[in-house]
């Protein structure tokens, strides 16, 4: 039976996805809280783990992007490695290659936190809670540890996902070379993921159903749409692997630590597979582990080393992350343009139309997308947010009325 890595897909576009871990039923606590355990069941003390990682060229710390405990564990691990290898560098999946100069400015102390987040356009490129990541960014800045952008522009991943790798002109591939062919095990995993977005297999999204049969996998993988999806994933893996390889082989950094989604490292299928194909094998994969995860995954070699953490309160995290949403898509185009509205959203109910430009919000002039994002975030449920929009040269005053948290439209 094939090894099954239980993963969850977060839809970014019609054909671009990001891999992350998903919860499964409690099946026993194989990694106690505060304990480091290898896939073979051997326990390690913190000092021995730090020593091992400080001598490893590429250290991959997998995460669930929305889990704050994962990011606290990552910072703890970074600190341990840095104590033994201060010449280490960091790589972040959150940033596309186009932001590299900005990362350099941040580490050099040339930007404030607000300037940094605005310059990289955080709410557009990543969207996950910045507060989970900022401690690591500050750690890098405080110690002048270089930060490398691992990702590519989301539009490129979307194009590959819809058109296929071979149909993208070489000059438009952001310098990424052709990915190594994936293992059959990785194809099986991605077929399972892909199936969950097919009407025929929609019931599989809860992760509680049997594995796909060999016949079902063959049927799914034969679809051109799956092949494009697979190529999009391989592009993501290859792009990140190239940054790691360049840091070690060309820039001669002794250690680069990657902060990226667990789906890109579990089973050594994604980024590690691409690195091995490029000739770099001194790699270690790690992730935080709680008792919602299947111990058999660890025994099957999901990662090299796991660190035990407490299970998070999902309801508490959801409540913390919940906030009012205007339900509009914004882009900077001669001001802040409404490029699209979510049907039934607060924005639509307020009278906003596609093509409008927001010129004032909450009594302040709007110059960039982040001005609107911050104003909406600062608005409480059950309150109103005044706006002035420009529609074909005519100024209109509108009010976005956010419902109370307990009910109403809030998309």
Protein backbone atom coordinates (compact mmCIF):
# COMPACT_ATOMS: atom_id res chain seq x y z
CA UNK A 1 0.00 0.00 0.00
CA UNK A 2 1.34 3.41 -0.91
CA UNK A 3 2.40 5.76 1.85
CA UNK A 4 -0.32 8.32 2.38
CA UNK A 5 0.48 11.82 3.50
CA UNK A 6 -2.68 13.52 4.68
CA UNK A 7 -2.62 17.03 3.28
CA UNK A 8 -5.01 19.87 2.74
CA UNK A 9 -5.23 22.19 -0.22
CA UNK A 10 -5.80 25.89 0.11
CA UNK A 11 -7.21 27.18 -3.18
CA UNK A 12 -5.33 30.26 -4.34
CA UNK A 13 -6.70 30.46 -7.86
CA UNK A 14 -8.53 28.31 -10.35
CA UNK A 15 -5.49 26.11 -10.73
CA UNK A 16 -2.88 27.09 -8.14
CA UNK A 17 -2.78 25.44 -4.75
CA UNK A 18 -0.64 25.59 -1.59
CA UNK A 19 0.10 22.44 0.39
CA UNK A 20 -0.32 22.30 4.15
CA UNK A 21 -1.04 19.68 6.80
CA UNK A 22 -4.53 18.57 7.69
CA UNK A 23 -5.82 17.08 10.95
CA UNK A 24 -6.80 13.42 11.22
CA UNK A 25 -8.39 11.51 14.13
CA UNK A 26 -6.39 11.09 17.30
CA UNK A 27 -4.37 7.92 16.96
CA UNK A 28 -2.05 8.11 19.93
CA UNK A 29 0.61 10.47 21.12
CA UNK A 30 3.85 9.23 19.58
CA UNK A 31 5.74 12.48 20.23
CA UNK A 32 5.37 13.92 23.71
CA UNK A 33 5.23 17.68 24.17
CA UNK A 34 8.71 19.19 24.26
CA UNK A 35 10.28 16.00 22.89
CA UNK A 36 12.35 15.57 19.71
CA UNK A 37 11.75 12.21 18.01
CA UNK A 38 13.10 10.76 14.77
CA UNK A 39 10.89 8.85 12.35
CA UNK A 40 12.39 5.61 13.70
CA UNK A 41 11.22 6.40 17.23
CA UNK A 42 14.59 7.50 18.64
CA UNK A 43 14.39 10.44 21.06
CA UNK A 44 16.94 13.26 21.04
CA UNK A 45 17.89 15.99 23.46
CA UNK A 46 17.73 19.61 22.25
CA UNK A 47 21.52 20.00 22.19
CA UNK A 48 22.03 17.00 19.91
CA UNK A 49 19.32 18.22 17.52
CA UNK A 50 20.84 21.70 17.35
CA UNK A 51 24.27 20.20 16.75
CA UNK A 52 22.98 17.97 13.95
CA UNK A 53 21.10 20.80 12.22
CA UNK A 54 24.03 23.21 12.49
CA UNK A 55 25.98 20.75 10.32
CA UNK A 56 23.19 20.24 7.78
CA UNK A 57 23.26 22.26 4.55
CA UNK A 58 19.48 22.54 4.12
CA UNK A 59 17.13 22.44 7.12
CA UNK A 60 13.46 22.44 6.16
CA UNK A 61 10.99 23.42 8.90
CA UNK A 62 7.50 22.50 7.72
CA UNK A 63 4.51 24.45 8.97
CA UNK A 64 0.78 24.74 8.97
CA UNK A 65 0.62 28.43 7.98
CA UNK A 66 -2.30 29.16 10.35
CA UNK A 67 -0.92 27.42 13.44
CA UNK A 68 0.86 29.84 15.83
CA UNK A 69 2.49 26.97 17.73
CA UNK A 70 4.31 25.93 14.56
CA UNK A 71 5.83 29.37 14.19
CA UNK A 72 6.90 29.50 17.84
CA UNK A 73 8.60 26.14 17.36
CA UNK A 74 10.31 27.41 14.21
CA UNK A 75 11.71 30.43 16.05
CA UNK A 76 12.94 28.21 18.88
CA UNK A 77 14.68 25.94 16.37
CA UNK A 78 16.24 28.87 14.52
CA UNK A 79 17.68 30.15 17.79
CA UNK A 80 19.25 26.79 18.60
CA UNK A 81 20.90 26.51 15.19
CA UNK A 82 22.12 30.11 15.25
CA UNK A 83 23.84 29.59 18.60
CA UNK A 84 26.09 26.99 16.94
CA UNK A 85 26.20 28.30 13.38
CA UNK A 86 25.90 32.12 13.24
CA UNK A 87 26.67 32.08 9.50
CA UNK A 88 23.30 30.50 8.76
CA UNK A 89 20.76 32.12 6.41
CA UNK A 90 16.99 31.87 6.17
CA UNK A 91 14.57 31.20 3.30
CA UNK A 92 10.85 31.98 3.39
CA UNK A 93 8.14 30.55 1.15
CA UNK A 94 6.06 33.64 1.92
CA UNK A 95 8.13 35.87 -0.39
CA UNK A 96 8.39 35.76 -4.20
CA UNK A 97 11.80 36.36 -5.77
CA UNK A 98 10.76 39.87 -6.83
CA UNK A 99 10.90 40.98 -3.17
CA UNK A 100 14.55 40.02 -2.56
CA UNK A 101 15.84 43.60 -2.53
CA UNK A 102 13.21 44.51 0.06
CA UNK A 103 14.26 41.60 2.27
CA UNK A 104 17.86 42.83 2.07
CA UNK A 105 16.75 46.32 3.11
CA UNK A 106 14.78 44.91 6.04
CA UNK A 107 17.70 42.88 7.36
CA UNK A 108 19.98 45.91 6.97
CA UNK A 109 17.64 47.93 9.20
CA UNK A 110 16.63 50.36 6.46
CA UNK A 111 12.86 49.82 6.78
CA UNK A 112 10.41 50.03 9.64
CA UNK A 113 8.05 47.11 10.17
CA UNK A 114 5.19 49.02 8.54
CA UNK A 115 7.36 50.05 5.59
CA UNK A 116 8.57 46.49 5.17
CA UNK A 117 5.08 44.95 5.12
CA UNK A 118 3.84 47.60 2.70
CA UNK A 119 6.85 47.21 0.42
CA UNK A 120 6.44 43.43 0.08
CA UNK A 121 2.64 43.85 -0.16
CA UNK A 122 2.11 41.22 2.54
CA UNK A 123 -1.67 41.10 2.27
CA UNK A 124 -1.38 40.27 -1.42
CA UNK A 125 1.60 37.92 -1.56
CA UNK A 126 0.88 35.79 1.52
CA UNK A 127 -2.25 36.86 3.44
CA UNK A 128 -1.58 34.72 6.50
CA UNK A 129 -1.31 36.35 9.93
CA UNK A 130 1.78 38.55 9.90
CA UNK A 131 2.03 38.34 13.68
CA UNK A 132 2.96 34.67 13.40
CA UNK A 133 5.94 35.49 11.16
CA UNK A 134 7.19 38.86 12.42
CA UNK A 135 9.15 37.39 15.38
CA UNK A 136 11.25 35.39 12.90
CA UNK A 137 11.70 38.43 10.66
CA UNK A 138 12.85 40.47 13.66
CA UNK A 139 15.17 37.65 14.75
CA UNK A 140 16.82 37.78 11.32
CA UNK A 141 17.08 41.57 11.42
CA UNK A 142 18.44 41.68 14.98
CA UNK A 143 21.20 39.24 14.11
CA UNK A 144 21.73 40.44 10.52
CA UNK A 145 20.88 37.00 9.16
CA UNK A 146 20.25 37.16 5.39
CA UNK A 147 16.69 36.33 4.34
CA UNK A 148 16.03 34.73 0.94
CA UNK A 149 12.78 34.78 -1.03
CA UNK A 150 11.94 31.20 -2.01
CA UNK A 151 8.80 31.66 -4.03
CA UNK A 152 7.80 32.81 -7.50
CA UNK A 153 5.01 35.15 -8.50
CA UNK A 154 1.61 33.58 -7.93
CA UNK A 155 0.60 34.47 -11.48
CA UNK A 156 3.30 32.17 -12.85
CA UNK A 157 2.06 29.24 -10.75
CA UNK A 158 -1.49 29.96 -11.93
CA UNK A 159 -0.38 30.07 -15.57
CA UNK A 160 1.45 26.76 -15.30
CA UNK A 161 -1.58 25.28 -13.53
CA UNK A 162 -3.89 26.31 -16.36
CA UNK A 163 -1.62 26.22 -19.44
CA UNK A 164 1.08 23.70 -18.53
CA UNK A 165 4.85 24.18 -18.09
CA UNK A 166 5.75 23.60 -21.74
CA UNK A 167 3.46 26.40 -22.88
CA UNK A 168 5.21 29.05 -20.76
CA UNK A 169 7.98 30.83 -22.72
CA UNK A 170 11.38 30.33 -21.09
CA UNK A 171 11.86 34.09 -20.57
CA UNK A 172 8.65 34.15 -18.51
CA UNK A 173 9.63 31.32 -16.13
CA UNK A 174 11.47 33.62 -13.65
CA UNK A 175 14.67 31.67 -14.27
CA UNK A 176 13.27 28.39 -12.91
CA UNK A 177 14.69 25.31 -14.62
CA UNK A 178 12.64 22.27 -15.63
CA UNK A 179 11.64 20.29 -12.51
CA UNK A 180 12.79 16.74 -11.99
CA UNK A 181 10.13 14.11 -12.64
CA UNK A 182 8.15 13.33 -9.48
CA UNK A 183 8.04 9.96 -7.78
CA UNK A 184 4.92 7.86 -8.22
CA UNK A 185 4.23 8.26 -4.50
CA UNK A 186 4.08 12.06 -4.89
CA UNK A 187 1.79 11.70 -7.90
CA UNK A 188 -0.51 9.48 -5.82
CA UNK A 189 -0.62 12.06 -3.03
CA UNK A 190 -1.41 14.90 -5.44
CA UNK A 191 -4.05 12.78 -7.19
CA UNK A 192 -5.73 12.35 -3.81
CA UNK A 193 -5.64 16.13 -3.30
CA UNK A 194 -6.84 16.87 -6.82
CA UNK A 195 -9.74 14.45 -6.45
CA UNK A 196 -11.14 16.47 -3.55
CA UNK A 197 -11.87 19.31 -5.97
CA UNK A 198 -13.74 17.07 -8.39
CA UNK A 199 -17.54 16.79 -7.93
CA UNK A 200 -17.28 13.00 -8.13
CA UNK A 201 -14.89 12.89 -5.14
CA UNK A 202 -15.98 15.99 -3.17
CA UNK A 203 -16.92 13.79 -0.21
CA UNK A 204 -13.20 13.02 0.27
CA UNK A 205 -12.41 16.49 1.67
CA UNK A 206 -13.00 15.41 5.27
CA UNK A 207 -10.03 13.01 5.09
CA UNK A 208 -12.08 10.18 6.61
CA UNK A 209 -12.56 8.05 3.49
CA UNK A 210 -10.51 5.18 2.03
CA UNK A 211 -7.55 5.83 -0.22
CA UNK A 212 -8.10 6.10 -3.94
CA UNK A 213 -7.92 2.82 -5.79
CA UNK A 214 -5.27 2.26 -8.45
CA UNK A 215 -7.96 2.56 -11.10
CA UNK A 216 -9.16 5.90 -9.70
CA UNK A 217 -5.60 7.24 -9.58
CA UNK A 218 -5.05 6.20 -13.19
CA UNK A 219 -8.29 7.91 -14.23
CA UNK A 220 -7.40 11.15 -12.41
CA UNK A 221 -3.77 11.36 -13.52
CA UNK A 222 -4.74 10.88 -17.16
CA UNK A 223 -6.66 14.17 -17.13
CA UNK A 224 -4.83 17.12 -18.77
CA UNK A 225 -6.11 19.33 -15.93
CA UNK A 226 -4.34 17.10 -13.39
CA UNK A 227 -1.12 17.17 -15.38
CA UNK A 228 -1.18 20.98 -15.35
CA UNK A 229 -1.92 20.96 -11.62
CA UNK A 230 1.01 18.58 -11.08
CA UNK A 231 3.30 20.84 -13.12
CA UNK A 232 2.24 23.82 -11.01
CA UNK A 233 3.22 21.96 -7.83
CA UNK A 234 6.54 20.88 -9.31
CA UNK A 235 7.26 24.48 -10.31
CA UNK A 236 6.72 25.55 -6.71
CA UNK A 237 8.98 22.80 -5.38
CA UNK A 238 11.69 23.40 -7.98
CA UNK A 239 11.75 27.17 -7.50
CA UNK A 240 12.33 26.82 -3.77
CA UNK A 241 14.89 24.04 -4.24
CA UNK A 242 16.91 26.26 -6.59
CA UNK A 243 17.21 28.98 -3.95
CA UNK A 244 18.43 26.44 -1.39
CA UNK A 245 20.91 24.98 -3.88
CA UNK A 246 22.24 28.42 -4.85
CA UNK A 247 22.68 29.41 -1.21
CA UNK A 248 24.78 26.32 -0.46
CA UNK A 249 26.66 25.65 -3.68
CA UNK A 250 27.17 29.15 -5.10
CA UNK A 251 26.92 31.53 -2.17
CA UNK A 252 28.70 29.01 0.08
CA UNK A 253 26.43 29.44 3.09
CA UNK A 254 27.01 26.51 5.47
CA UNK A 255 23.35 26.27 6.51
CA UNK A 256 20.11 27.60 5.07
CA UNK A 257 16.91 27.07 7.06
CA UNK A 258 13.68 27.03 5.09
CA UNK A 259 10.33 28.16 6.49
CA UNK A 260 7.69 26.59 4.26
CA UNK A 261 4.47 24.61 4.16
CA UNK A 262 4.73 21.04 5.44
CA UNK A 263 3.19 19.69 2.24
CA UNK A 264 6.35 20.69 0.35
CA UNK A 265 8.58 18.49 2.53
CA UNK A 266 6.53 15.59 3.89
CA UNK A 267 7.61 12.22 2.60
CA UNK A 268 10.67 13.90 1.05
CA UNK A 269 8.52 14.18 -2.08
CA UNK A 270 8.56 17.89 -2.92
CA UNK A 271 11.50 20.20 -2.29
CA UNK A 272 13.82 17.45 -0.93
CA UNK A 273 13.22 15.38 -4.08
CA UNK A 274 14.14 18.32 -6.31
CA UNK A 275 17.27 19.03 -4.24
CA UNK A 276 18.36 15.40 -4.49
CA UNK A 277 17.92 15.56 -8.26
CA UNK A 278 20.19 18.62 -8.31
CA UNK A 279 22.87 16.75 -6.38
CA UNK A 280 22.34 18.15 -2.88
CA UNK A 281 21.61 15.50 -0.26
CA UNK A 282 22.67 16.96 3.11
CA UNK A 283 19.07 17.80 4.03
CA UNK A 284 16.91 17.39 7.13
CA UNK A 285 13.13 17.76 7.28
CA UNK A 286 11.36 18.64 10.52
CA UNK A 287 7.90 19.62 11.70
CA UNK A 288 5.91 20.21 14.86
CA UNK A 289 3.74 17.25 15.85
CA UNK A 290 0.64 17.01 18.02
CA UNK A 291 -1.73 14.19 18.90
CA UNK A 292 -4.14 14.97 16.06
CA UNK A 293 -1.64 13.51 13.59
CA UNK A 294 -1.34 9.87 12.60
CA UNK A 295 1.76 8.31 14.18
CA UNK A 296 2.02 5.94 11.23
CA UNK A 297 2.85 8.93 9.04
CA UNK A 298 5.92 9.63 11.17
CA UNK A 299 6.96 5.97 11.16
CA UNK A 300 6.59 5.96 7.38
CA UNK A 301 9.12 8.79 7.20
CA UNK A 302 6.90 11.85 6.78
CA UNK A 303 9.81 13.90 8.18
CA UNK A 304 13.20 13.12 9.66
CA UNK A 305 12.53 14.62 13.08
CA UNK A 306 9.35 15.77 14.81
CA UNK A 307 8.92 18.05 17.84
CA UNK A 308 5.97 17.47 20.14
CA UNK A 309 3.60 20.39 20.71
CA UNK A 310 0.25 20.81 22.41
CA UNK A 311 -2.87 20.53 20.31
CA UNK A 312 -4.19 24.01 19.58
CA UNK A 313 -7.72 25.15 20.34
CA UNK A 314 -9.14 25.38 16.82
CA UNK A 315 -12.13 27.47 17.92
CA UNK A 316 -9.91 29.94 19.74
CA UNK A 317 -7.64 30.32 16.69
CA UNK A 318 -10.63 30.71 14.39
CA UNK A 319 -12.10 33.42 16.62
CA UNK A 320 -8.75 35.21 16.76
CA UNK A 321 -8.41 35.19 12.98
CA UNK A 322 -12.03 36.12 12.26
CA UNK A 323 -12.49 39.71 11.20
CA UNK A 324 -14.91 41.74 9.09
CA UNK A 325 -14.47 41.43 5.35
CA UNK A 326 -15.53 43.92 2.72
CA UNK A 327 -15.65 41.24 0.04
CA UNK A 328 -13.86 43.07 -2.75
CA UNK A 329 -10.73 42.44 -4.80
CA UNK A 330 -8.39 45.41 -4.94
CA UNK A 331 -5.57 46.37 -7.24
CA UNK A 332 -3.37 49.44 -7.54
CA UNK A 333 -4.33 50.97 -10.87
CA UNK A 334 -4.41 54.79 -10.92
CA UNK A 335 -5.46 54.58 -7.30
CA UNK A 336 -7.15 51.68 -5.55
CA UNK A 337 -9.42 49.96 -8.05
CA UNK A 338 -12.24 47.51 -7.30
CA UNK A 339 -11.42 44.74 -9.77
CA UNK A 340 -14.10 42.31 -8.56
CA UNK A 341 -16.76 41.87 -5.87
CA UNK A 342 -17.78 38.78 -3.92
CA UNK A 343 -21.45 38.02 -4.50
CA UNK A 344 -23.56 38.77 -1.42
CA UNK A 345 -20.71 40.58 0.34
CA UNK A 346 -20.78 43.68 2.51
CA UNK A 347 -19.11 45.59 -0.29
CA UNK A 348 -21.80 44.63 -2.79
CA UNK A 349 -24.54 45.53 -0.31
CA UNK A 350 -22.98 48.96 0.22
CA UNK A 351 -23.35 49.83 -3.44
CA UNK A 352 -19.74 49.41 -4.55
CA UNK A 353 -19.39 48.37 -8.19
CA UNK A 354 -16.62 46.79 -10.20
CA UNK A 355 -14.46 49.55 -11.68
CA UNK A 356 -14.99 51.95 -8.78
CA UNK A 357 -11.96 53.52 -7.11
CA UNK A 358 -11.84 54.06 -3.35
CA UNK A 359 -10.49 57.56 -2.67
CA UNK A 360 -11.31 57.92 1.04
CA UNK A 361 -12.11 55.47 3.80
CA UNK A 362 -12.81 56.09 7.49
CA UNK A 363 -12.15 59.79 6.88
CA UNK A 364 -8.65 59.26 5.47
CA UNK A 365 -7.33 59.60 1.93
CA UNK A 366 -6.58 56.32 0.15
CA UNK A 367 -3.29 56.06 -1.72
CA UNK A 368 -2.58 52.33 -1.72
CA UNK A 369 -4.30 49.00 -1.23
CA UNK A 370 -2.98 48.61 2.32
CA UNK A 371 -4.85 51.80 3.34
CA UNK A 372 -8.13 50.02 2.62
CA UNK A 373 -7.03 46.72 4.17
CA UNK A 374 -5.99 48.41 7.42
CA UNK A 375 -9.23 50.41 7.64
CA UNK A 376 -11.35 47.29 7.23
CA UNK A 377 -9.28 45.38 9.78
CA UNK A 378 -9.74 48.17 12.30
CA UNK A 379 -13.53 48.00 11.91
CA UNK A 380 -15.49 46.04 14.50
CA UNK A 381 -18.38 43.70 13.74
CA UNK A 382 -21.72 45.46 13.93
CA UNK A 383 -20.33 48.88 12.95
CA UNK A 384 -20.32 51.03 9.82
CA UNK A 385 -17.39 52.11 7.65
CA UNK A 386 -17.80 55.30 5.54
CA UNK A 387 -16.13 55.48 2.14
CA UNK A 388 -15.88 57.82 -0.80
CA UNK A 389 -15.56 56.24 -4.21
CA UNK A 390 -14.85 57.62 -7.65
CA UNK A 391 -17.15 56.27 -10.34
CA UNK A 392 -16.38 57.62 -13.75
CA UNK A 393 -15.16 60.92 -12.35
CA UNK A 394 -18.12 61.36 -9.98
CA UNK A 395 -17.54 61.17 -6.21
CA UNK A 396 -20.06 59.09 -4.25
CA UNK A 397 -20.37 58.60 -0.48
CA UNK A 398 -21.10 55.00 0.53
CA UNK A 399 -21.29 53.17 3.85
CA UNK A 400 -20.25 49.57 4.41
CA UNK A 401 -22.45 48.11 7.15
CA UNK A 402 -20.78 45.15 8.82
CA UNK A 403 -23.16 42.71 10.55
CA UNK A 404 -22.83 41.60 14.14
CA UNK A 405 -20.54 38.61 14.61
CA UNK A 406 -23.45 36.29 15.45
CA UNK A 407 -25.17 36.58 12.08
CA UNK A 408 -25.63 38.41 8.81
CA UNK A 409 -23.57 38.50 5.65
CA UNK A 410 -19.84 38.69 6.21
CA UNK A 411 -17.79 37.55 3.26
